[in-house]
């Protein structure tokens, strides 16, 4: 692994994984370089496939650690592996297809000042500026069936100016206090590419932590929706879905929700 010496201890460690997406990541790195200079950041870049960097790792204002995997591994294992190299007090999981128009971290760190919050996420916009449905209630088989037939496509939460506390937030951008991520043991490595975010937010909830979406922090997501076009991705999606619905965690979450119903 190539390492750049860190002159000052980072506050935030960002983990990004490339699946032959280095051009996208180059754009993301330039966004971070341009907009996040006020934040003490290190970036851990995992190359899940063999790629040549089209940029010099030492050409940014933040240090970059590069991990080259000998064989491709999944979302959970990659980010958990990156966490072992992270030095920041906060750990950020970020997709390669995220773009920044300003610094989202100031608002997110403000949300994380509440010790009851286990993960903070920004408001996610698509390329047209429309709010994406990145904050949701926990999925159920009935809800999945309803969505499959376009009967339940409305947003679960109305996002305005104040933070909201959804059941879970999408894994394209999640910011954790380091101690919380460590306490949870990171992502469940039995999942592969899908439902890792749902599972982790469920475990946070059962530990008494809140999940928060902070509208003052905004990012753009260039979503690819791979499971809509690829049989392999659809297979992974369905397998992860079934794993979650057949887990004891799902039953505990259902029981927790039932207890809150008056």
Protein backbone atom coordinates (compact mmCIF):
# COMPACT_ATOMS: atom_id res chain seq x y z
CA UNK A 1 0.00 0.00 0.00
CA UNK A 2 1.30 3.46 -0.94
CA UNK A 3 1.17 5.99 1.91
CA UNK A 4 1.57 9.75 2.11
CA UNK A 5 2.82 11.01 5.47
CA UNK A 6 0.23 12.98 7.42
CA UNK A 7 1.70 16.21 8.81
CA UNK A 8 -1.36 16.97 10.92
CA UNK A 9 -3.76 14.45 12.41
CA UNK A 10 -6.89 14.30 10.24
CA UNK A 11 -10.33 14.94 11.66
CA UNK A 12 -12.12 13.02 8.91
CA UNK A 13 -11.03 9.85 7.11
CA UNK A 14 -12.87 9.37 3.80
CA UNK A 15 -13.11 5.87 2.31
CA UNK A 16 -13.74 5.61 -1.44
CA UNK A 17 -13.68 2.34 -3.40
CA UNK A 18 -13.06 2.22 -7.14
CA UNK A 19 -14.50 -0.54 -9.33
CA UNK A 20 -12.77 0.66 -12.52
CA UNK A 21 -14.19 4.11 -11.73
CA UNK A 22 -10.96 6.07 -11.42
CA UNK A 23 -12.13 8.84 -13.78
CA UNK A 24 -15.16 9.47 -11.55
CA UNK A 25 -12.92 9.42 -8.49
CA UNK A 26 -10.57 11.92 -10.09
CA UNK A 27 -13.50 14.35 -10.36
CA UNK A 28 -14.50 13.67 -6.74
CA UNK A 29 -10.95 14.27 -5.50
CA UNK A 30 -10.82 17.61 -7.29
CA UNK A 31 -14.16 18.54 -5.68
CA UNK A 32 -12.80 17.70 -2.21
CA UNK A 33 -9.58 19.55 -3.01
CA UNK A 34 -11.51 22.64 -4.08
CA UNK A 35 -14.29 22.79 -1.52
CA UNK A 36 -13.05 21.06 1.65
CA UNK A 37 -9.77 22.85 2.35
CA UNK A 38 -11.11 24.07 5.69
CA UNK A 39 -11.49 20.47 6.91
CA UNK A 40 -8.65 18.24 8.07
CA UNK A 41 -9.13 15.28 5.74
CA UNK A 42 -7.33 12.14 4.69
CA UNK A 43 -8.61 9.94 1.89
CA UNK A 44 -8.28 6.17 1.71
CA UNK A 45 -8.65 5.04 -1.90
CA UNK A 46 -9.24 1.33 -2.47
CA UNK A 47 -8.68 0.00 -5.98
CA UNK A 48 -10.88 -3.08 -6.16
CA UNK A 49 -9.64 -3.76 -9.70
CA UNK A 50 -6.20 -3.11 -11.12
CA UNK A 51 -6.11 0.50 -12.33
CA UNK A 52 -3.49 3.11 -13.12
CA UNK A 53 -3.97 6.40 -11.32
CA UNK A 54 -4.37 9.23 -13.86
CA UNK A 55 -3.25 11.71 -11.17
CA UNK A 56 -0.43 11.97 -8.68
CA UNK A 57 -1.56 10.95 -5.20
CA UNK A 58 0.49 13.79 -3.68
CA UNK A 59 -1.05 16.51 -5.87
CA UNK A 60 -3.90 17.30 -3.48
CA UNK A 61 -3.99 19.34 -0.27
CA UNK A 62 -5.05 16.23 1.67
CA UNK A 63 -3.06 12.99 2.01
CA UNK A 64 -4.16 9.88 0.12
CA UNK A 65 -3.57 6.29 1.14
CA UNK A 66 -3.92 3.82 -1.72
CA UNK A 67 -4.96 0.20 -1.16
CA UNK A 68 -4.70 -2.20 -4.10
CA UNK A 69 -6.77 -5.37 -3.68
CA UNK A 70 -5.26 -8.53 -5.20
CA UNK A 71 -8.82 -9.76 -5.90
CA UNK A 72 -12.14 -7.86 -5.92
CA UNK A 73 -14.06 -7.84 -2.62
CA UNK A 74 -17.42 -6.45 -1.53
CA UNK A 75 -18.62 -3.08 -0.25
CA UNK A 76 -18.58 -4.07 3.42
CA UNK A 77 -15.15 -5.71 3.42
CA UNK A 78 -13.62 -2.84 1.45
CA UNK A 79 -14.81 -0.10 3.80
CA UNK A 80 -14.07 -2.14 6.93
CA UNK A 81 -10.56 -2.71 5.57
CA UNK A 82 -10.17 1.03 4.91
CA UNK A 83 -11.26 1.75 8.48
CA UNK A 84 -8.25 -0.15 9.80
CA UNK A 85 -6.03 2.44 8.09
CA UNK A 86 -8.14 5.45 9.12
CA UNK A 87 -6.67 7.93 11.59
CA UNK A 88 -9.54 10.45 11.76
CA UNK A 89 -11.99 10.97 14.63
CA UNK A 90 -14.75 10.58 12.04
CA UNK A 91 -15.06 7.97 9.31
CA UNK A 92 -16.82 8.81 6.05
CA UNK A 93 -18.02 6.27 3.49
CA UNK A 94 -18.43 7.92 0.10
CA UNK A 95 -19.33 6.57 -3.35
CA UNK A 96 -17.18 7.37 -6.40
CA UNK A 97 -20.23 8.83 -8.17
CA UNK A 98 -20.70 11.61 -5.61
CA UNK A 99 -19.92 15.23 -6.55
CA UNK A 100 -19.50 18.19 -4.20
CA UNK A 101 -20.44 21.79 -4.95
CA UNK A 102 -19.40 22.95 -1.46
CA UNK A 103 -18.12 21.52 1.82
CA UNK A 104 -20.75 19.24 3.43
CA UNK A 105 -18.67 18.36 6.48
CA UNK A 106 -19.24 21.48 8.60
CA UNK A 107 -23.01 20.89 8.74
CA UNK A 108 -22.60 17.14 9.23
CA UNK A 109 -20.19 17.59 12.13
CA UNK A 110 -22.66 20.00 13.73
CA UNK A 111 -25.32 17.26 13.57
CA UNK A 112 -22.85 14.80 15.12
CA UNK A 113 -22.26 17.03 18.14
CA UNK A 114 -25.27 15.24 19.63
CA UNK A 115 -23.77 12.09 21.18
CA UNK A 116 -26.99 10.16 20.51
CA UNK A 117 -26.39 10.39 16.74
CA UNK A 118 -24.56 7.39 15.28
CA UNK A 119 -24.41 8.45 11.63
CA UNK A 120 -25.05 11.67 9.72
CA UNK A 121 -25.84 11.97 6.03
CA UNK A 122 -26.26 14.90 3.63
CA UNK A 123 -29.24 15.74 1.48
CA UNK A 124 -28.63 13.88 -1.78
CA UNK A 125 -29.58 15.51 -5.08
CA UNK A 126 -29.53 14.03 -8.57
CA UNK A 127 -27.91 15.75 -11.55
CA UNK A 128 -31.09 17.76 -12.15
CA UNK A 129 -31.13 19.07 -8.58
CA UNK A 130 -34.07 16.91 -7.50
CA UNK A 131 -33.92 15.42 -4.02
CA UNK A 132 -33.16 11.70 -4.08
CA UNK A 133 -34.95 9.26 -1.80
CA UNK A 134 -31.86 8.56 0.32
CA UNK A 135 -33.60 8.67 3.72
CA UNK A 136 -36.13 5.91 4.19
CA UNK A 137 -38.14 3.77 6.55
CA UNK A 138 -36.89 0.22 6.99
CA UNK A 139 -37.93 -2.00 4.07
CA UNK A 140 -40.47 -4.77 4.46
CA UNK A 141 -41.46 -7.48 1.93
CA UNK A 142 -44.85 -5.78 1.47
CA UNK A 143 -43.24 -2.43 0.76
CA UNK A 144 -40.78 -3.96 -1.72
CA UNK A 145 -43.66 -5.68 -3.50
CA UNK A 146 -45.57 -2.39 -3.61
CA UNK A 147 -42.59 -0.50 -5.04
CA UNK A 148 -41.99 -3.19 -7.66
CA UNK A 149 -45.42 -2.40 -9.09
CA UNK A 150 -44.94 1.38 -8.81
CA UNK A 151 -47.56 1.72 -6.09
CA UNK A 152 -45.28 3.07 -3.34
CA UNK A 153 -42.85 5.46 -5.00
CA UNK A 154 -43.44 8.53 -2.84
CA UNK A 155 -40.72 9.62 -0.41
CA UNK A 156 -40.92 8.25 3.11
CA UNK A 157 -39.89 11.56 4.69
CA UNK A 158 -40.56 15.20 3.85
CA UNK A 159 -37.22 17.01 3.88
CA UNK A 160 -37.30 20.74 4.64
CA UNK A 161 -34.76 22.91 6.47
CA UNK A 162 -34.38 21.03 9.74
CA UNK A 163 -32.58 17.71 10.33
CA UNK A 164 -34.76 14.62 10.10
CA UNK A 165 -34.27 11.26 11.80
CA UNK A 166 -35.09 8.48 9.31
CA UNK A 167 -34.82 4.75 9.90
CA UNK A 168 -31.84 4.53 7.54
CA UNK A 169 -29.82 6.51 5.03
CA UNK A 170 -28.21 5.38 1.78
CA UNK A 171 -24.59 4.24 1.77
CA UNK A 172 -23.48 6.66 -0.95
CA UNK A 173 -22.42 9.11 1.81
CA UNK A 174 -22.38 8.28 5.53
CA UNK A 175 -20.33 10.03 8.24
CA UNK A 176 -19.73 8.14 11.52
CA UNK A 177 -17.97 9.03 14.73
CA UNK A 178 -15.00 6.70 14.72
CA UNK A 179 -15.88 5.15 18.08
CA UNK A 180 -19.43 4.36 16.96
CA UNK A 181 -18.34 2.63 13.75
CA UNK A 182 -15.81 0.62 15.75
CA UNK A 183 -18.36 -0.28 18.42
CA UNK A 184 -20.75 -1.62 15.76
CA UNK A 185 -17.97 -3.66 14.16
CA UNK A 186 -18.42 -1.80 10.87
CA UNK A 187 -20.52 -3.17 8.04
CA UNK A 188 -21.76 -6.76 8.07
CA UNK A 189 -19.44 -8.54 5.64
CA UNK A 190 -22.00 -11.22 4.83
CA UNK A 191 -23.70 -8.68 2.55
CA UNK A 192 -22.30 -7.95 -0.90
CA UNK A 193 -22.98 -4.49 -2.36
CA UNK A 194 -26.59 -4.04 -1.15
CA UNK A 195 -28.35 -3.62 2.22
CA UNK A 196 -25.11 -3.00 4.15
CA UNK A 197 -26.43 0.49 4.89
CA UNK A 198 -29.87 -0.80 5.97
CA UNK A 199 -28.29 -3.41 8.26
CA UNK A 200 -25.87 -0.98 9.89
CA UNK A 201 -28.55 1.64 10.54
CA UNK A 202 -30.77 -1.07 12.04
CA UNK A 203 -27.98 -2.11 14.39
CA UNK A 204 -27.39 1.54 15.30
CA UNK A 205 -31.08 1.89 16.15
CA UNK A 206 -31.03 -1.19 18.38
CA UNK A 207 -27.99 0.24 20.21
CA UNK A 208 -29.97 3.41 20.93
CA UNK A 209 -28.31 5.67 18.35
CA UNK A 210 -30.11 8.06 16.01
CA UNK A 211 -29.67 8.30 12.25
CA UNK A 212 -29.80 11.89 11.01
CA UNK A 213 -30.09 13.55 7.61
CA UNK A 214 -28.76 17.12 7.66
CA UNK A 215 -30.33 19.26 4.88
CA UNK A 216 -27.70 22.00 5.29
CA UNK A 217 -25.19 19.52 3.83
CA UNK A 218 -25.80 18.72 0.17
CA UNK A 219 -24.12 16.43 -2.37
CA UNK A 220 -24.90 15.38 -5.94
CA UNK A 221 -25.21 11.68 -6.74
CA UNK A 222 -24.66 10.45 -10.31
CA UNK A 223 -26.60 7.24 -9.66
CA UNK A 224 -26.13 4.30 -12.04
CA UNK A 225 -28.89 1.96 -10.67
CA UNK A 226 -26.90 -1.10 -11.75
CA UNK A 227 -29.43 -3.61 -10.44
CA UNK A 228 -32.00 -2.21 -12.89
CA UNK A 229 -29.88 -3.21 -15.91
CA UNK A 230 -27.63 -6.11 -14.88
CA UNK A 231 -28.74 -9.61 -13.95
CA UNK A 232 -25.66 -10.09 -11.71
CA UNK A 233 -26.34 -6.89 -9.77
CA UNK A 234 -30.03 -7.76 -9.53
CA UNK A 235 -29.04 -11.18 -8.16
CA UNK A 236 -26.81 -9.57 -5.51
CA UNK A 237 -29.61 -7.15 -4.65
CA UNK A 238 -32.17 -9.93 -4.19
CA UNK A 239 -29.77 -12.08 -2.16
CA UNK A 240 -29.01 -9.19 0.20
CA UNK A 241 -32.69 -8.39 0.51
CA UNK A 242 -33.51 -11.97 1.49
CA UNK A 243 -30.62 -12.08 3.95
CA UNK A 244 -31.98 -9.00 5.72
CA UNK A 245 -35.61 -10.17 5.77
CA UNK A 246 -34.60 -13.59 7.12
CA UNK A 247 -32.38 -12.17 9.85
CA UNK A 248 -33.15 -11.87 13.54
CA UNK A 249 -32.22 -8.19 13.18
CA UNK A 250 -35.23 -7.60 10.94
CA UNK A 251 -37.54 -9.23 13.49
CA UNK A 252 -36.08 -7.06 16.26
CA UNK A 253 -36.64 -3.93 14.20
CA UNK A 254 -40.25 -4.94 13.51
CA UNK A 255 -40.80 -5.56 17.23
CA UNK A 256 -39.26 -2.17 18.08
CA UNK A 257 -41.61 -0.46 15.64
CA UNK A 258 -44.65 -2.31 16.99
CA UNK A 259 -43.82 -1.22 20.55
CA UNK A 260 -43.87 2.42 19.41
CA UNK A 261 -47.37 2.14 17.94
CA UNK A 262 -49.86 3.53 20.53
